[in-house]
């Protein structure tokens, strides 16, 4: 299990620090592995090779949310429900964590590997930090700040460029 302390600004503009927990059990890892033809590693490699940013982001988010949950008071269970995930996704803690992981490939690798059960950590990590493969993955996951278009820029832009820029998150309308 991985405990992550996240500091963020809430919707009341107050700085909040919270602890969040992530864990991939052996069963979770098996499910992720079995959910893809050829396994998780093959799927991740194919997605990175395709340079499909939407698929890469979706897979990273899927793994993150598959691991999110809350420890039971007695420490005997790690509870993962859709309600718990939805609560987390709707918080600024999720956004802060996700953006931080997308900006630092070593942090992302350490985070993903830290969710793996202790008995499996000595084996091959899910993600190797700072290798050409993870560099490529993280390059595709990088989210640049979107440009806010002025009315003049909006009017001057052709429809295809506007559509692709909005879909990629490159532009936002001001």
N, C-alpha and C. Protein backbone atom coordinates (compact mmCIF):
# COMPACT_ATOMS: atom_id res chain seq x y z
N UNK A 1 0.85 -1.18 0.00
CA UNK A 1 0.00 0.00 0.00
C UNK A 1 0.89 1.23 0.00
N UNK A 2 0.44 2.24 -0.70
CA UNK A 2 1.16 3.49 -0.80
C UNK A 2 0.31 4.60 -0.19
N UNK A 3 0.91 5.34 0.74
CA UNK A 3 0.24 6.49 1.33
C UNK A 3 0.84 7.73 0.67
N UNK A 4 -0.02 8.56 0.12
CA UNK A 4 0.44 9.77 -0.57
C UNK A 4 -0.18 10.98 0.12
N UNK A 5 0.66 11.88 0.59
CA UNK A 5 0.20 13.13 1.18
C UNK A 5 0.09 14.16 0.06
N UNK A 6 -1.10 14.71 -0.09
CA UNK A 6 -1.38 15.65 -1.17
C UNK A 6 -1.83 16.97 -0.58
N UNK A 7 -1.15 18.05 -0.98
CA UNK A 7 -1.53 19.40 -0.56
C UNK A 7 -2.11 20.12 -1.76
N UNK A 8 -3.28 20.72 -1.57
CA UNK A 8 -3.97 21.38 -2.67
C UNK A 8 -4.83 22.51 -2.13
N UNK A 9 -5.33 23.32 -3.03
CA UNK A 9 -6.25 24.38 -2.64
C UNK A 9 -7.66 23.89 -2.92
N UNK A 10 -8.52 23.90 -1.88
CA UNK A 10 -9.88 23.40 -2.05
C UNK A 10 -10.75 24.47 -2.71
N UNK A 11 -12.03 24.18 -2.86
CA UNK A 11 -12.94 25.09 -3.54
C UNK A 11 -13.36 26.27 -2.66
N UNK A 12 -12.91 26.28 -1.42
CA UNK A 12 -13.10 27.44 -0.54
C UNK A 12 -11.84 28.28 -0.48
N UNK A 13 -10.90 27.99 -1.40
CA UNK A 13 -9.61 28.69 -1.51
C UNK A 13 -8.76 28.55 -0.25
N UNK A 14 -8.88 27.39 0.41
CA UNK A 14 -8.06 27.09 1.58
C UNK A 14 -7.08 25.99 1.21
N UNK A 15 -5.86 26.11 1.73
CA UNK A 15 -4.86 25.08 1.51
C UNK A 15 -5.16 23.90 2.43
N UNK A 16 -5.25 22.72 1.83
CA UNK A 16 -5.60 21.51 2.55
C UNK A 16 -4.53 20.46 2.29
N UNK A 17 -4.17 19.71 3.31
CA UNK A 17 -3.26 18.59 3.18
C UNK A 17 -3.98 17.33 3.63
N UNK A 18 -4.03 16.33 2.76
CA UNK A 18 -4.74 15.09 3.06
C UNK A 18 -3.86 13.89 2.72
N UNK A 19 -4.12 12.79 3.38
CA UNK A 19 -3.46 11.53 3.07
C UNK A 19 -4.42 10.68 2.24
N UNK A 20 -3.91 10.14 1.15
CA UNK A 20 -4.70 9.27 0.28
C UNK A 20 -3.93 7.97 0.12
N UNK A 21 -4.68 6.87 -0.09
CA UNK A 21 -4.08 5.55 -0.12
C UNK A 21 -4.34 4.84 -1.45
N UNK A 22 -3.31 4.12 -1.91
CA UNK A 22 -3.35 3.41 -3.18
C UNK A 22 -2.75 2.02 -2.97
N UNK A 23 -3.40 1.03 -3.58
CA UNK A 23 -2.88 -0.33 -3.45
C UNK A 23 -3.40 -1.18 -4.60
N UNK A 24 -2.49 -1.91 -5.21
CA UNK A 24 -2.85 -2.91 -6.21
C UNK A 24 -2.55 -4.27 -5.61
N UNK A 25 -3.58 -5.03 -5.34
CA UNK A 25 -3.38 -6.37 -4.82
C UNK A 25 -2.93 -7.29 -5.96
N UNK A 26 -2.53 -8.49 -5.60
CA UNK A 26 -2.16 -9.46 -6.63
C UNK A 26 -3.34 -9.70 -7.56
N UNK A 27 -4.55 -9.74 -7.00
CA UNK A 27 -5.75 -9.94 -7.81
C UNK A 27 -5.98 -8.75 -8.75
N UNK A 28 -5.74 -7.52 -8.26
CA UNK A 28 -5.87 -6.33 -9.10
C UNK A 28 -4.89 -6.38 -10.26
N UNK A 29 -3.65 -6.75 -9.96
CA UNK A 29 -2.63 -6.84 -11.00
C UNK A 29 -2.98 -7.90 -12.03
N UNK A 30 -3.51 -9.02 -11.56
CA UNK A 30 -3.93 -10.08 -12.47
C UNK A 30 -5.06 -9.59 -13.37
N UNK A 31 -6.00 -8.87 -12.77
CA UNK A 31 -7.13 -8.34 -13.56
C UNK A 31 -6.63 -7.37 -14.63
N UNK A 32 -5.71 -6.46 -14.26
CA UNK A 32 -5.14 -5.54 -15.24
C UNK A 32 -4.40 -6.30 -16.33
N UNK A 33 -3.66 -7.31 -15.94
CA UNK A 33 -2.89 -8.12 -16.88
C UNK A 33 -3.82 -8.88 -17.84
N UNK A 34 -4.89 -9.44 -17.30
CA UNK A 34 -5.81 -10.26 -18.11
C UNK A 34 -6.78 -9.42 -18.94
N UNK A 35 -6.88 -8.13 -18.65
CA UNK A 35 -7.83 -7.28 -19.37
C UNK A 35 -7.31 -6.87 -20.74
N UNK A 36 -6.08 -7.25 -21.07
CA UNK A 36 -5.50 -6.86 -22.35
C UNK A 36 -4.95 -8.07 -23.07
N UNK A 37 -5.17 -8.13 -24.37
CA UNK A 37 -4.56 -9.19 -25.16
C UNK A 37 -3.05 -9.05 -25.07
N UNK A 38 -2.38 -10.10 -24.65
CA UNK A 38 -0.92 -10.07 -24.52
C UNK A 38 -0.43 -9.49 -23.21
N UNK A 39 -1.33 -8.99 -22.38
CA UNK A 39 -0.95 -8.48 -21.07
C UNK A 39 -0.81 -6.97 -21.02
N UNK A 40 -0.66 -6.48 -19.80
CA UNK A 40 -0.59 -5.04 -19.53
C UNK A 40 0.63 -4.41 -20.18
N UNK A 41 1.79 -5.03 -20.02
CA UNK A 41 3.02 -4.44 -20.57
C UNK A 41 2.91 -4.29 -22.08
N UNK A 42 2.41 -5.32 -22.75
CA UNK A 42 2.27 -5.27 -24.21
C UNK A 42 1.30 -4.15 -24.61
N UNK A 43 0.18 -4.03 -23.86
CA UNK A 43 -0.79 -2.99 -24.17
C UNK A 43 -0.17 -1.60 -23.98
N UNK A 44 0.55 -1.40 -22.86
CA UNK A 44 1.18 -0.10 -22.63
C UNK A 44 2.19 0.23 -23.72
N UNK A 45 2.99 -0.77 -24.10
CA UNK A 45 3.99 -0.56 -25.14
C UNK A 45 3.32 -0.19 -26.46
N UNK A 46 2.23 -0.87 -26.81
CA UNK A 46 1.51 -0.58 -28.05
C UNK A 46 0.88 0.81 -28.02
N UNK A 47 0.34 1.18 -26.88
CA UNK A 47 -0.29 2.50 -26.77
C UNK A 47 0.77 3.60 -26.91
N UNK A 48 1.92 3.42 -26.27
CA UNK A 48 2.99 4.41 -26.38
C UNK A 48 3.47 4.50 -27.82
N UNK A 49 3.66 3.35 -28.47
CA UNK A 49 4.12 3.34 -29.86
C UNK A 49 3.13 4.03 -30.78
N UNK A 50 1.84 3.93 -30.47
CA UNK A 50 0.82 4.56 -31.32
C UNK A 50 0.78 6.07 -31.15
N UNK A 51 1.40 6.57 -30.10
CA UNK A 51 1.41 7.99 -29.76
C UNK A 51 0.00 8.55 -29.61
N UNK A 52 -0.89 7.70 -29.13
CA UNK A 52 -2.28 8.08 -28.90
C UNK A 52 -2.39 8.65 -27.49
N UNK A 53 -2.27 9.96 -27.37
CA UNK A 53 -2.27 10.60 -26.05
C UNK A 53 -3.53 10.30 -25.25
N UNK A 54 -4.66 10.22 -25.92
CA UNK A 54 -5.91 9.94 -25.22
C UNK A 54 -5.87 8.54 -24.60
N UNK A 55 -5.36 7.55 -25.36
CA UNK A 55 -5.28 6.18 -24.84
C UNK A 55 -4.26 6.09 -23.71
N UNK A 56 -3.13 6.79 -23.84
CA UNK A 56 -2.10 6.77 -22.80
C UNK A 56 -2.65 7.37 -21.51
N UNK A 57 -3.27 8.53 -21.62
CA UNK A 57 -3.85 9.17 -20.45
C UNK A 57 -4.91 8.29 -19.82
N UNK A 58 -5.76 7.70 -20.66
CA UNK A 58 -6.84 6.84 -20.16
C UNK A 58 -6.29 5.64 -19.39
N UNK A 59 -5.22 5.02 -19.91
CA UNK A 59 -4.64 3.85 -19.25
C UNK A 59 -4.00 4.24 -17.91
N UNK A 60 -3.29 5.37 -17.90
CA UNK A 60 -2.65 5.84 -16.68
C UNK A 60 -3.71 6.13 -15.62
N UNK A 61 -4.77 6.80 -16.01
CA UNK A 61 -5.88 7.13 -15.10
C UNK A 61 -6.55 5.86 -14.59
N UNK A 62 -6.73 4.89 -15.48
CA UNK A 62 -7.36 3.61 -15.11
C UNK A 62 -6.56 2.90 -14.02
N UNK A 63 -5.25 2.86 -14.17
CA UNK A 63 -4.39 2.21 -13.18
C UNK A 63 -4.46 2.96 -11.85
N UNK A 64 -4.40 4.28 -11.92
CA UNK A 64 -4.46 5.11 -10.72
C UNK A 64 -5.76 4.87 -9.95
N UNK A 65 -6.88 4.86 -10.67
CA UNK A 65 -8.17 4.68 -10.00
C UNK A 65 -8.40 3.23 -9.56
N UNK A 66 -7.81 2.27 -10.27
CA UNK A 66 -7.92 0.87 -9.84
C UNK A 66 -7.25 0.67 -8.49
N UNK A 67 -6.29 1.51 -8.18
CA UNK A 67 -5.53 1.37 -6.93
C UNK A 67 -6.09 2.21 -5.78
N UNK A 68 -6.97 3.16 -6.07
CA UNK A 68 -7.41 4.09 -5.03
C UNK A 68 -8.44 3.47 -4.10
N UNK A 69 -8.30 3.75 -2.81
CA UNK A 69 -9.27 3.27 -1.85
C UNK A 69 -9.01 3.83 -0.47
N UNK A 70 -9.69 3.25 0.51
CA UNK A 70 -9.54 3.68 1.91
C UNK A 70 -9.30 2.46 2.78
N UNK A 71 -8.38 2.62 3.74
CA UNK A 71 -8.13 1.53 4.69
C UNK A 71 -9.28 1.44 5.68
N UNK A 72 -9.62 0.21 6.05
CA UNK A 72 -10.63 0.05 7.10
C UNK A 72 -9.99 0.44 8.43
N UNK A 73 -10.81 0.81 9.38
CA UNK A 73 -10.31 1.23 10.70
C UNK A 73 -9.41 0.18 11.34
N UNK A 74 -9.77 -1.09 11.17
CA UNK A 74 -8.98 -2.16 11.79
C UNK A 74 -7.77 -2.58 10.95
N UNK A 75 -7.62 -2.00 9.75
CA UNK A 75 -6.47 -2.30 8.90
C UNK A 75 -6.53 -3.64 8.21
N UNK A 76 -7.67 -4.31 8.26
CA UNK A 76 -7.78 -5.64 7.67
C UNK A 76 -8.27 -5.61 6.22
N UNK A 77 -8.82 -4.48 5.83
CA UNK A 77 -9.37 -4.39 4.46
C UNK A 77 -8.93 -3.08 3.81
N UNK A 78 -8.87 -3.12 2.50
CA UNK A 78 -8.65 -1.92 1.72
C UNK A 78 -9.87 -1.79 0.83
N UNK A 79 -10.68 -0.78 1.10
CA UNK A 79 -12.01 -0.67 0.50
C UNK A 79 -11.95 0.19 -0.76
N UNK A 80 -12.38 -0.41 -1.87
CA UNK A 80 -12.41 0.28 -3.15
C UNK A 80 -13.83 0.18 -3.70
N UNK A 81 -14.53 1.29 -3.66
CA UNK A 81 -15.87 1.32 -4.23
C UNK A 81 -15.93 2.43 -5.26
N UNK A 82 -16.92 2.36 -6.13
CA UNK A 82 -17.09 3.41 -7.13
C UNK A 82 -17.37 4.75 -6.45
N UNK A 83 -18.11 4.73 -5.36
CA UNK A 83 -18.41 5.96 -4.62
C UNK A 83 -17.11 6.60 -4.09
N UNK A 84 -16.22 5.80 -3.56
CA UNK A 84 -14.94 6.31 -3.05
C UNK A 84 -14.11 6.89 -4.20
N UNK A 85 -14.09 6.20 -5.34
CA UNK A 85 -13.34 6.69 -6.50
C UNK A 85 -13.94 7.99 -7.02
N UNK A 86 -15.27 8.03 -7.12
CA UNK A 86 -15.94 9.24 -7.62
C UNK A 86 -15.67 10.44 -6.72
N UNK A 87 -15.66 10.21 -5.42
CA UNK A 87 -15.36 11.29 -4.47
C UNK A 87 -13.95 11.82 -4.70
N UNK A 88 -13.01 10.90 -4.90
CA UNK A 88 -11.62 11.30 -5.13
C UNK A 88 -11.47 12.05 -6.45
N UNK A 89 -12.05 11.52 -7.52
CA UNK A 89 -11.92 12.14 -8.85
C UNK A 89 -12.50 13.55 -8.87
N UNK A 90 -13.51 13.79 -8.08
CA UNK A 90 -14.15 15.11 -8.07
C UNK A 90 -13.43 16.11 -7.16
N UNK A 91 -12.32 15.71 -6.57
CA UNK A 91 -11.58 16.60 -5.68
C UNK A 91 -10.36 17.21 -6.38
N UNK A 92 -9.92 18.29 -5.83
CA UNK A 92 -8.68 18.90 -6.33
C UNK A 92 -7.46 18.07 -5.96
N UNK A 93 -7.60 17.20 -4.96
CA UNK A 93 -6.49 16.30 -4.60
C UNK A 93 -6.14 15.41 -5.79
N UNK A 94 -7.16 14.89 -6.48
CA UNK A 94 -6.94 14.04 -7.65
C UNK A 94 -6.22 14.83 -8.74
N UNK A 95 -6.72 16.01 -9.03
CA UNK A 95 -6.13 16.83 -10.08
C UNK A 95 -4.68 17.18 -9.76
N UNK A 96 -4.42 17.55 -8.51
CA UNK A 96 -3.06 17.90 -8.08
C UNK A 96 -2.13 16.71 -8.21
N UNK A 97 -2.58 15.54 -7.75
CA UNK A 97 -1.77 14.34 -7.85
C UNK A 97 -1.50 13.98 -9.30
N UNK A 98 -2.53 13.93 -10.11
CA UNK A 98 -2.38 13.54 -11.51
C UNK A 98 -1.43 14.47 -12.24
N UNK A 99 -1.59 15.76 -12.07
CA UNK A 99 -0.71 16.71 -12.76
C UNK A 99 0.73 16.56 -12.28
N UNK A 100 0.92 16.34 -10.98
CA UNK A 100 2.27 16.14 -10.46
C UNK A 100 2.93 14.91 -11.03
N UNK A 101 2.17 13.83 -11.17
CA UNK A 101 2.72 12.60 -11.73
C UNK A 101 3.03 12.74 -13.22
N UNK A 102 2.20 13.50 -13.92
CA UNK A 102 2.43 13.69 -15.35
C UNK A 102 3.64 14.59 -15.62
N UNK A 103 4.01 15.40 -14.65
CA UNK A 103 5.14 16.31 -14.83
C UNK A 103 6.48 15.69 -14.44
N UNK A 104 6.48 14.58 -13.71
CA UNK A 104 7.74 14.00 -13.22
C UNK A 104 7.74 12.49 -13.44
N UNK A 105 8.48 12.04 -14.46
CA UNK A 105 8.47 10.62 -14.82
C UNK A 105 9.01 9.72 -13.71
N UNK A 106 10.02 10.18 -12.97
CA UNK A 106 10.55 9.37 -11.88
C UNK A 106 9.54 9.24 -10.75
N UNK A 107 8.86 10.32 -10.45
CA UNK A 107 7.80 10.29 -9.43
C UNK A 107 6.67 9.36 -9.86
N UNK A 108 6.30 9.43 -11.14
CA UNK A 108 5.24 8.56 -11.66
C UNK A 108 5.65 7.09 -11.56
N UNK A 109 6.87 6.78 -11.94
CA UNK A 109 7.36 5.40 -11.86
C UNK A 109 7.38 4.91 -10.42
N UNK A 110 7.91 5.74 -9.51
CA UNK A 110 7.96 5.37 -8.09
C UNK A 110 6.55 5.19 -7.53
N UNK A 111 5.64 6.04 -7.94
CA UNK A 111 4.26 5.96 -7.48
C UNK A 111 3.60 4.66 -7.93
N UNK A 112 3.66 4.38 -9.23
CA UNK A 112 3.04 3.16 -9.77
C UNK A 112 3.66 1.92 -9.12
N UNK A 113 4.97 1.88 -9.03
CA UNK A 113 5.63 0.72 -8.44
C UNK A 113 5.37 0.62 -6.94
N UNK A 114 5.14 1.74 -6.27
CA UNK A 114 4.86 1.74 -4.83
C UNK A 114 3.50 1.16 -4.48
N UNK A 115 2.62 1.06 -5.46
CA UNK A 115 1.29 0.50 -5.22
C UNK A 115 1.29 -1.03 -5.26
N UNK A 116 2.36 -1.60 -5.75
CA UNK A 116 2.45 -3.05 -5.90
C UNK A 116 2.67 -3.69 -4.53
N UNK A 117 2.04 -4.84 -4.28
CA UNK A 117 2.23 -5.52 -2.99
C UNK A 117 3.70 -5.79 -2.70
N UNK A 118 4.07 -5.71 -1.41
CA UNK A 118 5.46 -5.87 -1.00
C UNK A 118 6.10 -7.14 -1.55
N UNK A 119 5.39 -8.24 -1.56
CA UNK A 119 5.94 -9.50 -2.03
C UNK A 119 6.30 -9.52 -3.50
N UNK A 120 5.75 -8.58 -4.27
CA UNK A 120 6.04 -8.52 -5.71
C UNK A 120 7.01 -7.40 -6.07
N UNK A 121 7.33 -6.53 -5.13
CA UNK A 121 8.17 -5.37 -5.44
C UNK A 121 9.59 -5.74 -5.84
N UNK A 122 10.09 -6.85 -5.38
CA UNK A 122 11.46 -7.22 -5.71
C UNK A 122 11.57 -7.73 -7.15
N UNK A 123 10.43 -8.10 -7.72
CA UNK A 123 10.43 -8.55 -9.10
C UNK A 123 10.46 -7.33 -10.01
N UNK A 124 10.34 -7.54 -11.31
CA UNK A 124 10.40 -6.45 -12.27
C UNK A 124 9.33 -5.41 -11.97
N UNK A 125 9.72 -4.14 -11.85
CA UNK A 125 8.72 -3.10 -11.59
C UNK A 125 7.79 -2.92 -12.77
N UNK A 126 6.61 -2.41 -12.50
CA UNK A 126 5.65 -2.15 -13.57
C UNK A 126 6.22 -1.10 -14.52
N UNK A 127 6.81 -0.07 -13.96
CA UNK A 127 7.40 1.00 -14.77
C UNK A 127 8.81 1.24 -14.28
N UNK A 128 9.77 1.22 -15.19
CA UNK A 128 11.15 1.52 -14.84
C UNK A 128 11.33 3.04 -14.87
N UNK A 129 11.94 3.62 -13.84
CA UNK A 129 12.16 5.07 -13.88
C UNK A 129 13.22 5.45 -14.89
N UNK A 130 12.99 6.54 -15.58
CA UNK A 130 13.96 7.18 -16.47
C UNK A 130 14.63 6.22 -17.45
N UNK A 131 13.83 5.48 -18.20
CA UNK A 131 14.34 4.67 -19.29
C UNK A 131 13.76 5.25 -20.58
N UNK A 132 14.29 4.90 -21.73
CA UNK A 132 13.70 5.43 -22.97
C UNK A 132 12.20 5.14 -23.08
N UNK A 133 11.77 3.95 -22.62
CA UNK A 133 10.34 3.62 -22.71
C UNK A 133 9.50 4.52 -21.81
N UNK A 134 9.96 4.74 -20.57
CA UNK A 134 9.18 5.61 -19.69
C UNK A 134 9.31 7.06 -20.12
N UNK A 135 10.46 7.44 -20.67
CA UNK A 135 10.59 8.80 -21.20
C UNK A 135 9.54 9.03 -22.28
N UNK A 136 9.38 8.05 -23.17
CA UNK A 136 8.39 8.17 -24.24
C UNK A 136 6.98 8.23 -23.67
N UNK A 137 6.70 7.35 -22.70
CA UNK A 137 5.38 7.35 -22.07
C UNK A 137 5.09 8.70 -21.43
N UNK A 138 6.04 9.18 -20.65
CA UNK A 138 5.81 10.43 -19.93
C UNK A 138 5.76 11.63 -20.88
N UNK A 139 6.54 11.58 -21.98
CA UNK A 139 6.46 12.66 -22.97
C UNK A 139 5.05 12.75 -23.52
N UNK A 140 4.43 11.61 -23.75
CA UNK A 140 3.07 11.60 -24.29
C UNK A 140 2.05 11.99 -23.25
N UNK A 141 2.36 11.79 -21.99
CA UNK A 141 1.42 12.15 -20.93
C UNK A 141 1.53 13.61 -20.52
N UNK A 142 2.59 14.28 -20.94
CA UNK A 142 2.76 15.67 -20.56
C UNK A 142 1.59 16.49 -21.06
N UNK A 143 1.06 17.31 -20.18
CA UNK A 143 -0.03 18.20 -20.55
C UNK A 143 0.48 19.62 -20.43
N UNK A 144 0.55 20.27 -21.56
CA UNK A 144 1.01 21.65 -21.55
C UNK A 144 -0.15 22.56 -21.19
N UNK A 145 0.18 23.76 -20.72
CA UNK A 145 -0.85 24.71 -20.40
C UNK A 145 -1.60 25.07 -21.67
N UNK A 146 -2.90 25.08 -21.59
CA UNK A 146 -3.72 25.40 -22.75
C UNK A 146 -3.67 26.91 -22.98
N UNK A 147 -3.68 27.27 -24.24
CA UNK A 147 -3.70 28.68 -24.62
C UNK A 147 -5.15 29.15 -24.64
N UNK A 148 -5.43 30.24 -23.93
CA UNK A 148 -6.76 30.82 -23.96
C UNK A 148 -6.86 31.68 -25.20
N UNK A 149 -7.78 31.34 -26.07
CA UNK A 149 -7.93 32.06 -27.33
C UNK A 149 -8.72 33.35 -27.13
N UNK A 150 -8.22 34.40 -27.74
CA UNK A 150 -8.98 35.64 -27.76
C UNK A 150 -10.05 35.51 -28.84
N UNK A 151 -10.97 36.44 -28.87
CA UNK A 151 -12.01 36.40 -29.89
C UNK A 151 -11.40 36.53 -31.28
N UNK A 152 -10.38 37.38 -31.42
CA UNK A 152 -9.73 37.57 -32.71
C UNK A 152 -9.02 36.29 -33.16
N UNK A 153 -8.31 35.61 -32.24
CA UNK A 153 -7.64 34.36 -32.58
C UNK A 153 -8.67 33.29 -32.96
N UNK A 154 -9.76 33.25 -32.22
CA UNK A 154 -10.83 32.30 -32.49
C UNK A 154 -11.39 32.51 -33.89
N UNK A 155 -11.67 33.76 -34.24
CA UNK A 155 -12.27 34.08 -35.53
C UNK A 155 -11.30 33.81 -36.69
N UNK A 156 -9.99 34.00 -36.44
CA UNK A 156 -8.99 33.82 -37.50
C UNK A 156 -8.64 32.35 -37.74
N UNK A 157 -8.95 31.49 -36.80
CA UNK A 157 -8.53 30.09 -36.88
C UNK A 157 -9.49 29.29 -37.75
N UNK A 158 -8.91 28.39 -38.59
CA UNK A 158 -9.80 27.54 -39.39
C UNK A 158 -10.42 26.46 -38.51
N UNK A 159 -11.54 25.94 -38.96
CA UNK A 159 -12.35 25.02 -38.15
C UNK A 159 -11.58 23.76 -37.77
N UNK A 160 -10.79 23.20 -38.68
CA UNK A 160 -10.05 21.97 -38.38
C UNK A 160 -9.00 22.21 -37.31
N UNK A 161 -8.27 23.32 -37.40
CA UNK A 161 -7.24 23.62 -36.40
C UNK A 161 -7.90 23.85 -35.04
N UNK A 162 -9.00 24.58 -35.01
CA UNK A 162 -9.71 24.84 -33.76
C UNK A 162 -10.21 23.53 -33.14
N UNK A 163 -10.84 22.69 -33.97
CA UNK A 163 -11.38 21.42 -33.48
C UNK A 163 -10.28 20.53 -32.92
N UNK A 164 -9.18 20.38 -33.65
CA UNK A 164 -8.10 19.51 -33.16
C UNK A 164 -7.42 20.11 -31.94
N UNK A 165 -7.24 21.43 -31.90
CA UNK A 165 -6.62 22.09 -30.74
C UNK A 165 -7.45 21.98 -29.49
N UNK A 166 -8.77 22.12 -29.61
CA UNK A 166 -9.67 21.97 -28.46
C UNK A 166 -9.69 20.53 -27.98
N UNK A 167 -9.74 19.58 -28.93
CA UNK A 167 -9.78 18.16 -28.56
C UNK A 167 -8.50 17.73 -27.85
N UNK A 168 -7.36 18.30 -28.25
CA UNK A 168 -6.08 17.94 -27.64
C UNK A 168 -5.80 18.71 -26.37
N UNK A 169 -6.67 19.67 -26.03
CA UNK A 169 -6.44 20.46 -24.83
C UNK A 169 -5.43 21.57 -25.04
N UNK A 170 -5.09 21.83 -26.29
CA UNK A 170 -4.12 22.88 -26.62
C UNK A 170 -4.73 24.27 -26.46
N UNK A 171 -6.03 24.39 -26.75
CA UNK A 171 -6.73 25.67 -26.66
C UNK A 171 -7.91 25.57 -25.72
N UNK A 172 -8.21 26.68 -25.09
CA UNK A 172 -9.47 26.84 -24.36
C UNK A 172 -10.07 28.16 -24.80
N UNK A 173 -11.37 28.24 -24.70
CA UNK A 173 -12.05 29.47 -25.08
C UNK A 173 -12.15 30.38 -23.87
N UNK A 174 -11.78 31.66 -24.06
CA UNK A 174 -11.76 32.61 -22.96
C UNK A 174 -13.10 33.26 -22.72
